[in-house]
Structures are given as C-alpha cells and as structure tokens.
N, C-alpha and C. Protein backbone atom coordinates (compact mmCIF):
# COMPACT_ATOMS: atom_id res chain seq x y z
N UNK A 1 82.13 109.78 93.17
CA UNK A 1 83.45 109.20 93.08
C UNK A 1 83.44 107.85 93.80
N UNK A 2 84.04 106.86 93.19
CA UNK A 2 84.06 105.52 93.78
C UNK A 2 85.34 105.34 94.60
N UNK A 3 85.14 105.03 95.86
CA UNK A 3 86.28 104.86 96.77
C UNK A 3 86.39 103.43 97.27
N UNK A 4 85.51 102.55 96.80
CA UNK A 4 85.47 101.19 97.31
C UNK A 4 86.82 100.48 97.22
N UNK A 5 87.58 100.73 96.14
CA UNK A 5 88.88 100.07 96.00
C UNK A 5 89.82 100.46 97.14
N UNK A 6 89.83 101.72 97.49
CA UNK A 6 90.70 102.19 98.58
C UNK A 6 90.23 101.58 99.90
N UNK A 7 88.91 101.58 100.13
CA UNK A 7 88.38 101.05 101.38
C UNK A 7 88.66 99.56 101.52
N UNK A 8 88.70 98.84 100.41
CA UNK A 8 88.90 97.40 100.43
C UNK A 8 90.38 96.99 100.52
N UNK A 9 91.28 97.93 100.33
CA UNK A 9 92.71 97.61 100.43
C UNK A 9 93.03 97.15 101.85
N UNK A 10 93.98 96.28 101.94
CA UNK A 10 94.40 95.76 103.23
C UNK A 10 95.31 96.77 103.93
N UNK A 11 95.01 97.01 105.20
CA UNK A 11 95.88 97.88 105.99
C UNK A 11 97.31 97.34 106.01
N UNK A 12 97.43 96.03 105.97
CA UNK A 12 98.76 95.40 106.00
C UNK A 12 99.58 95.72 104.75
N UNK A 13 98.94 96.12 103.68
CA UNK A 13 99.67 96.53 102.47
C UNK A 13 100.00 98.02 102.48
N UNK A 14 99.13 98.82 103.09
CA UNK A 14 99.31 100.27 103.09
C UNK A 14 100.28 100.72 104.19
N UNK A 15 100.17 100.12 105.35
CA UNK A 15 101.01 100.53 106.49
C UNK A 15 102.51 100.52 106.16
N UNK A 16 103.05 99.44 105.55
CA UNK A 16 104.48 99.47 105.23
C UNK A 16 104.85 100.59 104.24
N UNK A 17 103.92 100.96 103.39
CA UNK A 17 104.17 102.07 102.45
C UNK A 17 104.27 103.40 103.20
N UNK A 18 103.42 103.58 104.19
CA UNK A 18 103.48 104.80 105.00
C UNK A 18 104.81 104.87 105.76
N UNK A 19 105.20 103.74 106.34
CA UNK A 19 106.47 103.69 107.08
C UNK A 19 107.64 103.94 106.13
N UNK A 20 107.62 103.31 104.97
CA UNK A 20 108.71 103.47 104.00
C UNK A 20 108.84 104.92 103.54
N UNK A 21 107.71 105.57 103.33
CA UNK A 21 107.75 106.98 102.91
C UNK A 21 108.43 107.82 103.98
N UNK A 22 108.11 107.56 105.23
CA UNK A 22 108.73 108.32 106.33
C UNK A 22 110.21 107.99 106.45
N UNK A 23 110.53 106.72 106.41
CA UNK A 23 111.93 106.30 106.59
C UNK A 23 112.82 106.77 105.46
N UNK A 24 112.27 106.89 104.27
CA UNK A 24 113.04 107.40 103.13
C UNK A 24 113.51 108.83 103.39
N UNK A 25 112.77 109.54 104.21
CA UNK A 25 113.11 110.92 104.55
C UNK A 25 113.68 111.03 105.97
N UNK A 26 114.24 109.92 106.44
CA UNK A 26 114.92 109.86 107.75
C UNK A 26 113.99 110.11 108.94
N UNK A 27 112.74 109.71 108.80
CA UNK A 27 111.82 109.73 109.93
C UNK A 27 111.64 108.27 110.35
N UNK A 28 110.86 108.02 111.40
CA UNK A 28 110.82 106.67 111.96
C UNK A 28 109.43 106.05 111.94
N UNK A 29 109.43 104.73 112.08
CA UNK A 29 108.18 103.97 112.21
C UNK A 29 107.45 104.43 113.47
N UNK A 30 108.18 104.70 114.54
CA UNK A 30 107.56 105.17 115.78
C UNK A 30 106.81 106.49 115.57
N UNK A 31 107.35 107.36 114.74
CA UNK A 31 106.67 108.62 114.45
C UNK A 31 105.40 108.36 113.63
N UNK A 32 105.47 107.44 112.69
CA UNK A 32 104.26 107.07 111.92
C UNK A 32 103.21 106.53 112.88
N UNK A 33 103.61 105.64 113.78
CA UNK A 33 102.68 105.07 114.75
C UNK A 33 102.08 106.16 115.64
N UNK A 34 102.90 107.10 116.06
CA UNK A 34 102.40 108.19 116.91
C UNK A 34 101.34 109.00 116.17
N UNK A 35 101.55 109.25 114.90
CA UNK A 35 100.58 109.99 114.09
C UNK A 35 99.28 109.19 113.97
N UNK A 36 99.39 107.90 113.69
CA UNK A 36 98.20 107.07 113.55
C UNK A 36 97.44 107.00 114.87
N UNK A 37 98.16 106.85 115.97
CA UNK A 37 97.52 106.83 117.29
C UNK A 37 96.80 108.15 117.58
N UNK A 38 97.46 109.25 117.28
CA UNK A 38 96.87 110.57 117.51
C UNK A 38 95.59 110.72 116.69
N UNK A 39 95.64 110.32 115.45
CA UNK A 39 94.51 110.51 114.54
C UNK A 39 93.34 109.60 114.88
N UNK A 40 93.60 108.34 115.21
CA UNK A 40 92.55 107.34 115.33
C UNK A 40 92.18 106.94 116.75
N UNK A 41 93.08 107.14 117.68
CA UNK A 41 92.83 106.68 119.05
C UNK A 41 93.27 105.25 119.29
N UNK A 42 93.80 104.59 118.26
CA UNK A 42 94.32 103.23 118.45
C UNK A 42 95.59 103.28 119.30
N UNK A 43 95.85 102.20 119.99
CA UNK A 43 97.12 102.02 120.69
C UNK A 43 98.11 101.41 119.71
N UNK A 44 99.38 101.63 119.94
CA UNK A 44 100.44 101.13 119.05
C UNK A 44 100.32 99.63 118.82
N UNK A 45 99.97 98.89 119.87
CA UNK A 45 99.86 97.44 119.74
C UNK A 45 98.81 97.05 118.70
N UNK A 46 97.71 97.80 118.66
CA UNK A 46 96.66 97.47 117.70
C UNK A 46 97.10 97.77 116.27
N UNK A 47 97.87 98.83 116.10
CA UNK A 47 98.36 99.16 114.76
C UNK A 47 99.17 97.99 114.22
N UNK A 48 100.05 97.45 115.04
CA UNK A 48 100.86 96.31 114.61
C UNK A 48 99.98 95.09 114.35
N UNK A 49 98.98 94.89 115.21
CA UNK A 49 98.06 93.76 115.01
C UNK A 49 97.31 93.91 113.69
N UNK A 50 96.83 95.11 113.40
CA UNK A 50 96.13 95.37 112.14
C UNK A 50 97.05 95.15 110.95
N UNK A 51 98.32 95.52 111.11
CA UNK A 51 99.30 95.35 110.04
C UNK A 51 99.62 93.88 109.81
N UNK A 52 99.36 93.05 110.80
CA UNK A 52 99.64 91.61 110.70
C UNK A 52 98.40 90.80 110.29
N UNK A 53 97.27 91.45 110.12
CA UNK A 53 96.04 90.74 109.76
C UNK A 53 95.49 91.28 108.44
N UNK A 54 94.27 90.88 108.14
CA UNK A 54 93.68 91.28 106.86
C UNK A 54 92.62 92.37 107.00
N UNK A 55 92.69 93.17 108.06
CA UNK A 55 91.72 94.25 108.22
C UNK A 55 91.84 95.21 107.04
N UNK A 56 90.70 95.66 106.53
CA UNK A 56 90.73 96.59 105.40
C UNK A 56 91.03 98.00 105.89
N UNK A 57 91.49 98.81 104.96
CA UNK A 57 91.80 100.20 105.28
C UNK A 57 90.53 100.92 105.72
N UNK A 58 89.44 100.65 105.02
CA UNK A 58 88.16 101.25 105.39
C UNK A 58 87.73 100.87 106.79
N UNK A 59 87.81 99.58 107.12
CA UNK A 59 87.42 99.12 108.45
C UNK A 59 88.36 99.66 109.53
N UNK A 60 89.63 99.81 109.20
CA UNK A 60 90.58 100.37 110.15
C UNK A 60 90.10 101.74 110.61
N UNK A 61 89.64 102.56 109.69
CA UNK A 61 89.15 103.89 110.05
C UNK A 61 87.73 103.86 110.61
N UNK A 62 86.87 103.02 110.07
CA UNK A 62 85.49 102.93 110.57
C UNK A 62 85.46 102.50 112.03
N UNK A 63 86.38 101.64 112.42
CA UNK A 63 86.41 101.09 113.77
C UNK A 63 87.35 101.83 114.71
N UNK A 64 87.87 102.95 114.27
CA UNK A 64 88.78 103.72 115.12
C UNK A 64 88.10 104.06 116.44
N UNK A 65 88.79 103.83 117.55
CA UNK A 65 88.17 104.05 118.86
C UNK A 65 87.82 105.50 119.17
N UNK A 66 88.65 106.43 118.69
CA UNK A 66 88.38 107.84 119.01
C UNK A 66 89.12 108.72 118.01
N UNK A 67 88.40 109.15 117.00
CA UNK A 67 89.02 110.06 116.02
C UNK A 67 89.29 111.39 116.72
N UNK A 68 90.49 111.87 116.56
CA UNK A 68 90.91 113.09 117.24
C UNK A 68 90.11 114.29 116.73
N UNK A 69 89.47 115.04 117.62
CA UNK A 69 88.70 116.20 117.17
C UNK A 69 89.55 117.26 116.48
N UNK A 70 90.83 117.32 116.80
CA UNK A 70 91.72 118.30 116.18
C UNK A 70 92.10 117.93 114.75
N UNK A 71 91.66 116.77 114.27
CA UNK A 71 91.95 116.39 112.88
C UNK A 71 91.31 117.38 111.91
N UNK A 72 90.27 118.05 112.35
CA UNK A 72 89.59 119.04 111.49
C UNK A 72 90.48 120.25 111.23
N UNK A 73 91.57 120.38 111.99
CA UNK A 73 92.53 121.46 111.78
C UNK A 73 93.49 121.14 110.63
N UNK A 74 93.46 119.92 110.14
CA UNK A 74 94.34 119.51 109.05
C UNK A 74 93.84 120.12 107.75
N UNK A 75 94.68 120.89 107.13
CA UNK A 75 94.33 121.56 105.87
C UNK A 75 95.43 121.29 104.86
N UNK A 76 95.10 121.39 103.61
CA UNK A 76 96.11 121.25 102.58
C UNK A 76 95.69 120.29 101.49
N UNK A 77 96.62 120.05 100.58
CA UNK A 77 96.34 119.28 99.38
C UNK A 77 97.04 117.92 99.44
N UNK A 78 96.29 116.89 99.10
CA UNK A 78 96.81 115.53 98.94
C UNK A 78 96.20 115.00 97.64
N UNK A 79 97.05 114.50 96.77
CA UNK A 79 96.58 113.96 95.49
C UNK A 79 95.73 114.98 94.73
N UNK A 80 96.18 116.23 94.77
CA UNK A 80 95.54 117.34 94.05
C UNK A 80 94.13 117.67 94.56
N UNK A 81 93.82 117.25 95.78
CA UNK A 81 92.52 117.52 96.38
C UNK A 81 92.74 118.11 97.76
N UNK A 82 92.02 119.18 98.08
CA UNK A 82 92.10 119.78 99.40
C UNK A 82 91.38 118.87 100.40
N UNK A 83 92.08 118.44 101.44
CA UNK A 83 91.50 117.50 102.39
C UNK A 83 90.26 118.06 103.09
N UNK A 84 90.26 119.35 103.32
CA UNK A 84 89.12 119.95 104.02
C UNK A 84 87.86 120.02 103.13
N UNK A 85 88.02 119.82 101.82
CA UNK A 85 86.89 119.87 100.90
C UNK A 85 86.34 118.50 100.51
N UNK A 86 86.95 117.44 101.00
CA UNK A 86 86.48 116.09 100.66
C UNK A 86 85.13 115.85 101.32
N UNK A 87 84.15 115.47 100.53
CA UNK A 87 82.78 115.29 101.03
C UNK A 87 82.53 113.93 101.68
N UNK A 88 83.18 112.90 101.19
CA UNK A 88 83.00 111.54 101.72
C UNK A 88 83.76 111.43 103.04
N UNK A 89 83.06 111.27 104.18
CA UNK A 89 83.73 111.27 105.48
C UNK A 89 84.85 110.23 105.63
N UNK A 90 84.63 109.02 105.18
CA UNK A 90 85.65 107.99 105.33
C UNK A 90 86.88 108.31 104.49
N UNK A 91 86.68 108.78 103.28
CA UNK A 91 87.81 109.16 102.44
C UNK A 91 88.55 110.35 103.05
N UNK A 92 87.83 111.25 103.67
CA UNK A 92 88.49 112.38 104.31
C UNK A 92 89.40 111.90 105.44
N UNK A 93 88.95 110.93 106.23
CA UNK A 93 89.80 110.40 107.30
C UNK A 93 91.07 109.79 106.73
N UNK A 94 90.94 109.04 105.65
CA UNK A 94 92.09 108.42 105.00
C UNK A 94 93.05 109.48 104.49
N UNK A 95 92.52 110.51 103.88
CA UNK A 95 93.37 111.58 103.35
C UNK A 95 94.01 112.42 104.45
N UNK A 96 93.34 112.53 105.60
CA UNK A 96 93.99 113.19 106.74
C UNK A 96 95.29 112.48 107.07
N UNK A 97 95.24 111.15 107.13
CA UNK A 97 96.46 110.40 107.42
C UNK A 97 97.50 110.61 106.34
N UNK A 98 97.09 110.58 105.09
CA UNK A 98 98.04 110.84 103.99
C UNK A 98 98.71 112.20 104.17
N UNK A 99 97.93 113.20 104.51
CA UNK A 99 98.47 114.55 104.68
C UNK A 99 99.48 114.60 105.83
N UNK A 100 99.14 113.95 106.94
CA UNK A 100 100.05 113.96 108.09
C UNK A 100 101.36 113.25 107.77
N UNK A 101 101.29 112.14 107.05
CA UNK A 101 102.51 111.42 106.66
C UNK A 101 103.32 112.26 105.68
N UNK A 102 102.65 112.98 104.79
CA UNK A 102 103.36 113.90 103.89
C UNK A 102 104.11 114.96 104.69
N UNK A 103 103.45 115.51 105.70
CA UNK A 103 104.10 116.53 106.54
C UNK A 103 105.30 115.95 107.27
N UNK A 104 105.17 114.73 107.77
CA UNK A 104 106.28 114.06 108.43
C UNK A 104 107.45 113.89 107.47
N UNK A 105 107.17 113.42 106.27
CA UNK A 105 108.21 113.19 105.27
C UNK A 105 108.88 114.49 104.82
N UNK A 106 108.16 115.59 104.94
CA UNK A 106 108.73 116.89 104.56
C UNK A 106 109.52 117.53 105.68
N UNK A 107 109.62 116.83 106.82
CA UNK A 107 110.46 117.32 107.90
C UNK A 107 109.78 118.18 108.93
N UNK A 108 108.48 118.28 108.88
CA UNK A 108 107.75 119.10 109.84
C UNK A 108 107.90 118.51 111.25
N UNK A 109 107.95 119.36 112.25
CA UNK A 109 108.08 118.93 113.64
C UNK A 109 106.80 118.21 114.10
N UNK A 110 106.97 117.21 114.95
CA UNK A 110 105.83 116.42 115.41
C UNK A 110 104.76 117.26 116.09
N UNK A 111 105.15 118.25 116.90
CA UNK A 111 104.13 119.06 117.57
C UNK A 111 103.27 119.84 116.58
N UNK A 112 103.86 120.21 115.47
CA UNK A 112 103.10 120.90 114.42
C UNK A 112 102.20 119.92 113.67
N UNK A 113 102.73 118.73 113.39
CA UNK A 113 101.95 117.70 112.70
C UNK A 113 100.73 117.33 113.53
N UNK A 114 100.92 117.20 114.84
CA UNK A 114 99.84 116.79 115.73
C UNK A 114 98.99 117.97 116.20
N UNK A 115 99.18 119.09 115.59
CA UNK A 115 98.36 120.29 115.87
C UNK A 115 98.31 120.61 117.35
N UNK A 116 99.50 120.60 117.98
CA UNK A 116 99.58 120.92 119.43
C UNK A 116 99.96 122.36 119.64
C-alpha cells in the first residue's frame, strides 16, 4: 500500500481539520493538543509551530520526541481498517491519532481517550 501521499501532506493542512472535527462536536482545540502531546511527546508550543510551518505529516510523527508506550492500547477501526493490524509503523502512528480524535468527537472522556 502506498502511503507517500499521506506522509507528504503538510501538518499545517491536517491540524486544522483535526481541530474542526473536534469543535464540530463541542470539543476544544486544547483537547486536541492534549491528545497530540500525549501521543507524540511534543509540547503544545511545538504543535502550534508545526501548524505554522511546512513540516510534513510524516516528519511530524518520525521526529516525535517520545511516542507514548500506551498508544499500543489503542484499538478499533479507522477508515475501515483496524489500527492494531496496520503493518506500516508510520501509518499506524497516524491512524492512532485519527482514532483518538474520533473518540474525542464521539464524546469519550479524556481519561479514557488517554488510556489512563
């Protein structure tokens, strides 16, 4: 499966879509940022910096300072694919974020989303 198009997308184009999805369901940008920080180890300031630059989505995940070990607890379906069955590691990281944002938009509590 070719994922190069997704990896080459600009984080600055994807991030507002993630925020909009959450806000449409009465969740907040701060909650989206908290999820991204939990998953990647980035600080909130870096997320905004990445959203203001041309960093690619692939590089955003490749350069993550500390991927949360509990991300492996994320299970479920995104885009008709089970996230735990995705073989390509980078695509799996991207889909983990998609799954967490889906859970946020569906009203799940933050402690459950963050697997606490």
